[in-house]
Structure formats: C-alpha cells, structure tokens
Amino acid sequence: MMAQVAQVDGEQTVSHQSAMYVAQPPVGSVRSCMPYRDELLRHRVITADGHDFAVATHKRPNGKGYITGAYPVQHGYLVMVRQALTEVRSDDAEGARNEHEQLVQVLAEAGIGVVRARRALAARQRAEKADLRRFTPPLHLVTAEPVDAQAVAF
C-alpha cells in the first residue's frame, strides 16, 4: 500500500528551485572571511566529513605569539568557543599563517578525524616526555681512575 500525501490549500512546497531552499555548501569547501580586530586570518570550512568549523588565527592574550584554532559552528552560529577542536600556538605571524593554512587544508580534505588523531598523538607524546622526566634516575658521574691492565681479564 502506498501512502498518499494531499496538499492542503495554502501549503507551500519547497523545492530546489524555490527561494526558501537553503543550500548547504559542499563538503570540503573553504570560504575566506573578514578577520576580527585581533585576528590575523579567518576561514569557514565545511570539512570532508560534513562538519562546519570556523578556523581563526588570533594574537595570544599576552600579545606574544599567535593561536590558530578550529571552532565548531552549528546552524550558522559559532558555538563552544572555549571547546575548540584543536588549537596550535605559533611564535611569529609567518608560522601562524602556515599553521592556519595547513589546518584549513587538512579539515577540508580529510575531516575532523585526522585533526583529532593529531591532537591525541601530541597529547600522548607530551605524556611520554613527562613520564621520562619523572622516572629517569639521576645520573652520577664516576671519577676516572687509572685501571690496572693486569686486573682486566678477557
């Protein structure tokens, strides 16, 4: 049995030709946006897996260096600014531009899975370094004393 749909008088249908139809940008698309006052660069990215992010590079609060971050966007609104997908610190403007372009490219071409994996790898490497510093026994210098060649047996 097939369900029949009857159109009520005054009801509008929305088609791809209608002005009411709002198209979602294609996956992997990148739009350049005007940066805000303290920002160096800003882009809007629809990732390869369909997520919407704003990628912005701005000066650090203390004024020394830059932070490049990918922030989630839902229904056209920037949400969870304090919960960025990733943030990368750079010391100079040129390094910040490079990090920004790389992040935009990775999001557009590969999606958020790659960025999450990169962030997890960086966290694991930091933890391993901290463990090495914490558990490495201190080295003691041994004074060089003359060795009796007769006492050493091979």
C-alpha atoms as a PDB file:
ATOM      1  CA  MET A   1       0.000   0.000   0.000  1.00  0.00           C
ATOM      2  CA  MET A   2       1.327   3.417  -0.905  1.00  0.00           C
ATOM      3  CA  ALA A   3       0.797   6.411   1.354  1.00  0.00           C
ATOM      4  CA  GLN A   4      -0.885   9.315  -0.341  1.00  0.00           C
ATOM      5  CA  VAL A   5       0.030  12.873   0.530  1.00  0.00           C
ATOM      6  CA  ALA A   6      -2.585  15.522  -0.072  1.00  0.00           C
ATOM      7  CA  GLN A   7      -1.548  19.147  -0.282  1.00  0.00           C
ATOM      8  CA  VAL A   8      -3.666  21.426   1.872  1.00  0.00           C
ATOM      9  CA  ASP A   9      -4.826  24.735   0.374  1.00  0.00           C
ATOM     10  CA  GLY A  10      -2.271  27.468   1.087  1.00  0.00           C
ATOM     11  CA  GLU A  11       0.503  24.976   1.909  1.00  0.00           C
ATOM     12  CA  GLN A  12       3.789  25.631   0.149  1.00  0.00           C
ATOM     13  CA  THR A  13       6.125  23.002  -1.126  1.00  0.00           C
ATOM     14  CA  VAL A  14       9.838  23.674  -1.007  1.00  0.00           C
ATOM     15  CA  SER A  15      11.906  22.590  -3.982  1.00  0.00           C
ATOM     16  CA  HIS A  16      15.470  23.219  -5.045  1.00  0.00           C
ATOM     17  CA  GLN A  17      14.161  25.970  -7.314  1.00  0.00           C
ATOM     18  CA  SER A  18      12.355  27.785  -4.511  1.00  0.00           C
ATOM     19  CA  ALA A  19      13.748  30.868  -2.786  1.00  0.00           C
ATOM     20  CA  MET A  20      13.001  29.147   0.527  1.00  0.00           C
ATOM     21  CA  TYR A  21      15.501  26.389  -0.284  1.00  0.00           C
ATOM     22  CA  VAL A  22      18.806  26.991   1.505  1.00  0.00           C
ATOM     23  CA  ALA A  23      21.723  25.048   0.129  1.00  0.00           C
ATOM     24  CA  GLN A  24      24.413  23.705   2.397  1.00  0.00           C
ATOM     25  CA  PRO A  25      27.867  24.390   0.928  1.00  0.00           C
ATOM     26  CA  PRO A  26      29.505  21.237  -0.438  1.00  0.00           C
ATOM     27  CA  VAL A  27      31.784  19.182   1.784  1.00  0.00           C
ATOM     28  CA  GLY A  28      35.412  20.224   1.560  1.00  0.00           C
ATOM     29  CA  SER A  29      34.513  23.847   0.815  1.00  0.00           C
ATOM     30  CA  VAL A  30      36.503  26.758   2.227  1.00  0.00           C
ATOM     31  CA  ARG A  31      35.361  30.368   2.450  1.00  0.00           C
ATOM     32  CA  SER A  32      37.627  33.235   3.412  1.00  0.00           C
ATOM     33  CA  CYS A  33      36.078  35.581   5.988  1.00  0.00           C
ATOM     34  CA  MET A  34      36.956  39.054   7.211  1.00  0.00           C
ATOM     35  CA  PRO A  35      39.115  38.721  10.337  1.00  0.00           C
ATOM     36  CA  TYR A  36      38.093  40.465  13.544  1.00  0.00           C
ATOM     37  CA  ARG A  37      40.242  43.168  15.138  1.00  0.00           C
ATOM     38  CA  ASP A  38      42.729  40.904  16.932  1.00  0.00           C
ATOM     39  CA  GLU A  39      42.773  38.185  14.255  1.00  0.00           C
ATOM     40  CA  LEU A  40      45.306  37.507  11.554  1.00  0.00           C
ATOM     41  CA  LEU A  41      43.189  35.127   9.418  1.00  0.00           C
ATOM     42  CA  ARG A  42      39.688  33.587   9.470  1.00  0.00           C
ATOM     43  CA  HIS A  43      38.104  30.898   7.291  1.00  0.00           C
ATOM     44  CA  ARG A  44      34.837  28.965   7.338  1.00  0.00           C
ATOM     45  CA  VAL A  45      35.310  25.283   6.442  1.00  0.00           C
ATOM     46  CA  ILE A  46      32.823  22.523   5.694  1.00  0.00           C
ATOM     47  CA  THR A  47      35.002  19.509   6.456  1.00  0.00           C
ATOM     48  CA  ALA A  48      35.337  16.429   4.273  1.00  0.00           C
ATOM     49  CA  ASP A  49      33.029  14.588   6.664  1.00  0.00           C
ATOM     50  CA  GLY A  50      30.376  17.339   6.664  1.00  0.00           C
ATOM     51  CA  HIS A  51      31.136  19.260   9.871  1.00  0.00           C
ATOM     52  CA  ASP A  52      31.102  23.075   9.922  1.00  0.00           C
ATOM     53  CA  PHE A  53      34.058  24.902  11.528  1.00  0.00           C
ATOM     54  CA  ALA A  54      35.452  28.400  11.786  1.00  0.00           C
ATOM     55  CA  VAL A  55      39.258  28.428  11.672  1.00  0.00           C
ATOM     56  CA  ALA A  56      40.755  31.590  13.152  1.00  0.00           C
ATOM     57  CA  THR A  57      44.268  32.758  13.968  1.00  0.00           C
ATOM     58  CA  HIS A  58      44.480  35.460  16.611  1.00  0.00           C
ATOM     59  CA  LYS A  59      47.042  37.030  18.921  1.00  0.00           C
ATOM     60  CA  ARG A  60      47.593  35.363  22.267  1.00  0.00           C
ATOM     61  CA  PRO A  61      46.152  37.263  25.243  1.00  0.00           C
ATOM     62  CA  ASN A  62      49.594  38.316  26.469  1.00  0.00           C
ATOM     63  CA  GLY A  63      50.431  39.640  22.990  1.00  0.00           C
ATOM     64  CA  LYS A  64      53.344  37.247  22.468  1.00  0.00           C
ATOM     65  CA  GLY A  65      52.648  34.855  19.619  1.00  0.00           C
ATOM     66  CA  TYR A  66      49.512  33.557  17.933  1.00  0.00           C
ATOM     67  CA  ILE A  67      46.907  30.825  18.413  1.00  0.00           C
ATOM     68  CA  THR A  68      45.247  29.039  15.487  1.00  0.00           C
ATOM     69  CA  GLY A  69      42.059  27.213  16.405  1.00  0.00           C
ATOM     70  CA  ALA A  70      39.197  25.312  14.776  1.00  0.00           C
ATOM     71  CA  TYR A  71      35.868  26.158  16.454  1.00  0.00           C
ATOM     72  CA  PRO A  72      32.555  24.344  15.799  1.00  0.00           C
ATOM     73  CA  VAL A  73      29.685  26.112  14.024  1.00  0.00           C
ATOM     74  CA  GLN A  74      26.067  24.909  14.239  1.00  0.00           C
ATOM     75  CA  HIS A  75      23.169  26.380  12.293  1.00  0.00           C
ATOM     76  CA  GLY A  76      25.334  29.326  11.287  1.00  0.00           C
ATOM     77  CA  TYR A  77      26.332  30.228  14.855  1.00  0.00           C
ATOM     78  CA  LEU A  78      29.768  29.859  16.387  1.00  0.00           C
ATOM     79  CA  VAL A  79      29.329  27.594  19.400  1.00  0.00           C
ATOM     80  CA  MET A  80      31.609  26.276  22.119  1.00  0.00           C
ATOM     81  CA  VAL A  81      34.417  28.766  21.527  1.00  0.00           C
ATOM     82  CA  ARG A  82      36.167  27.503  24.634  1.00  0.00           C
ATOM     83  CA  GLN A  83      35.955  23.903  23.377  1.00  0.00           C
ATOM     84  CA  ALA A  84      37.979  24.092  20.202  1.00  0.00           C
ATOM     85  CA  LEU A  85      38.596  21.030  18.079  1.00  0.00           C
ATOM     86  CA  THR A  86      42.287  21.946  18.193  1.00  0.00           C
ATOM     87  CA  GLU A  87      44.497  24.924  18.994  1.00  0.00           C
ATOM     88  CA  VAL A  88      48.067  25.400  17.774  1.00  0.00           C
ATOM     89  CA  ARG A  89      50.476  28.006  19.144  1.00  0.00           C
ATOM     90  CA  SER A  90      52.967  29.884  16.967  1.00  0.00           C
ATOM     91  CA  ASP A  91      55.661  32.375  17.910  1.00  0.00           C
ATOM     92  CA  ASP A  92      55.537  34.586  14.821  1.00  0.00           C
ATOM     93  CA  ALA A  93      52.998  35.716  12.208  1.00  0.00           C
ATOM     94  CA  GLU A  94      54.555  33.707   9.359  1.00  0.00           C
ATOM     95  CA  GLY A  95      54.453  30.479  11.362  1.00  0.00           C
ATOM     96  CA  ALA A  96      50.861  31.246  12.361  1.00  0.00           C
ATOM     97  CA  ARG A  97      49.856  31.744   8.706  1.00  0.00           C
ATOM     98  CA  ASN A  98      51.435  28.405   7.785  1.00  0.00           C
ATOM     99  CA  GLU A  99      49.689  26.566  10.643  1.00  0.00           C
ATOM    100  CA  HIS A 100      46.373  28.211   9.696  1.00  0.00           C
ATOM    101  CA  GLU A 101      46.633  27.184   6.026  1.00  0.00           C
ATOM    102  CA  GLN A 102      47.630  23.623   6.957  1.00  0.00           C
ATOM    103  CA  LEU A 103      44.721  23.278   9.387  1.00  0.00           C
ATOM    104  CA  VAL A 104      42.222  24.601   6.826  1.00  0.00           C
ATOM    105  CA  GLN A 105      43.588  22.227   4.179  1.00  0.00           C
ATOM    106  CA  VAL A 106      43.508  19.168   6.451  1.00  0.00           C
ATOM    107  CA  LEU A 107      39.942  19.877   7.593  1.00  0.00           C
ATOM    108  CA  ALA A 108      38.718  20.430   4.041  1.00  0.00           C
ATOM    109  CA  GLU A 109      40.434  17.375   2.581  1.00  0.00           C
ATOM    110  CA  ALA A 110      40.435  14.803   5.376  1.00  0.00           C
ATOM    111  CA  GLY A 111      37.927  15.894   8.022  1.00  0.00           C
ATOM    112  CA  ILE A 112      37.998  16.089  11.784  1.00  0.00           C
ATOM    113  CA  GLY A 113      39.179  12.508  12.333  1.00  0.00           C
ATOM    114  CA  VAL A 114      42.702  13.409  11.219  1.00  0.00           C
ATOM    115  CA  VAL A 115      42.782  16.505  13.430  1.00  0.00           C
ATOM    116  CA  ARG A 116      41.553  14.520  16.433  1.00  0.00           C
ATOM    117  CA  ALA A 117      44.182  11.842  15.771  1.00  0.00           C
ATOM    118  CA  ARG A 118      46.904  14.501  15.509  1.00  0.00           C
ATOM    119  CA  ARG A 119      45.766  16.047  18.798  1.00  0.00           C
ATOM    120  CA  ALA A 120      45.705  12.642  20.517  1.00  0.00           C
ATOM    121  CA  LEU A 121      49.197  11.855  19.231  1.00  0.00           C
ATOM    122  CA  ALA A 122      50.547  15.178  20.509  1.00  0.00           C
ATOM    123  CA  ALA A 123      48.955  14.555  23.940  1.00  0.00           C
ATOM    124  CA  ARG A 124      50.435  11.057  24.095  1.00  0.00           C
ATOM    125  CA  GLN A 125      53.898  12.378  23.167  1.00  0.00           C
ATOM    126  CA  ARG A 126      53.669  15.059  25.890  1.00  0.00           C
ATOM    127  CA  ALA A 127      52.659  12.410  28.430  1.00  0.00           C
ATOM    128  CA  GLU A 128      55.555  10.162  27.429  1.00  0.00           C
ATOM    129  CA  LYS A 129      58.029  13.033  27.797  1.00  0.00           C
ATOM    130  CA  ALA A 130      56.601  13.866  31.225  1.00  0.00           C
ATOM    131  CA  ASP A 131      56.911  10.217  32.274  1.00  0.00           C
ATOM    132  CA  LEU A 132      60.533  10.117  31.126  1.00  0.00           C
ATOM    133  CA  ARG A 133      61.350  13.227  33.132  1.00  0.00           C
ATOM    134  CA  ARG A 134      59.550  11.875  36.173  1.00  0.00           C
ATOM    135  CA  PHE A 135      61.032   8.351  36.194  1.00  0.00           C
ATOM    136  CA  THR A 136      64.531   8.813  34.795  1.00  0.00           C
ATOM    137  CA  PRO A 137      67.014   8.129  37.598  1.00  0.00           C
ATOM    138  CA  PRO A 138      69.605  10.821  38.170  1.00  0.00           C
ATOM    139  CA  LEU A 139      72.980  10.200  36.602  1.00  0.00           C
ATOM    140  CA  HIS A 140      76.051  10.089  38.832  1.00  0.00           C
ATOM    141  CA  LEU A 141      79.440  10.975  37.475  1.00  0.00           C
ATOM    142  CA  VAL A 142      82.159   8.474  38.165  1.00  0.00           C
ATOM    143  CA  THR A 143      85.648   9.817  38.592  1.00  0.00           C
ATOM    144  CA  ALA A 144      88.144   8.408  36.180  1.00  0.00           C
ATOM    145  CA  GLU A 145      90.695   6.300  37.995  1.00  0.00           C
ATOM    146  CA  PRO A 146      93.593   4.528  36.316  1.00  0.00           C
ATOM    147  CA  VAL A 147      92.730   0.923  35.506  1.00  0.00           C
ATOM    148  CA  ASP A 148      95.290  -1.813  36.091  1.00  0.00           C
ATOM    149  CA  ALA A 149      95.616  -3.610  32.751  1.00  0.00           C
ATOM    150  CA  GLN A 150      96.739  -6.804  34.545  1.00  0.00           C
ATOM    151  CA  ALA A 151      93.479  -6.940  36.539  1.00  0.00           C
ATOM    152  CA  VAL A 152      91.251  -6.849  33.450  1.00  0.00           C
ATOM    153  CA  ALA A 153      90.690 -10.323  32.058  1.00  0.00           C
ATOM    154  CA  PHE A 154      89.057 -11.074  28.701  1.00  0.00           C
END
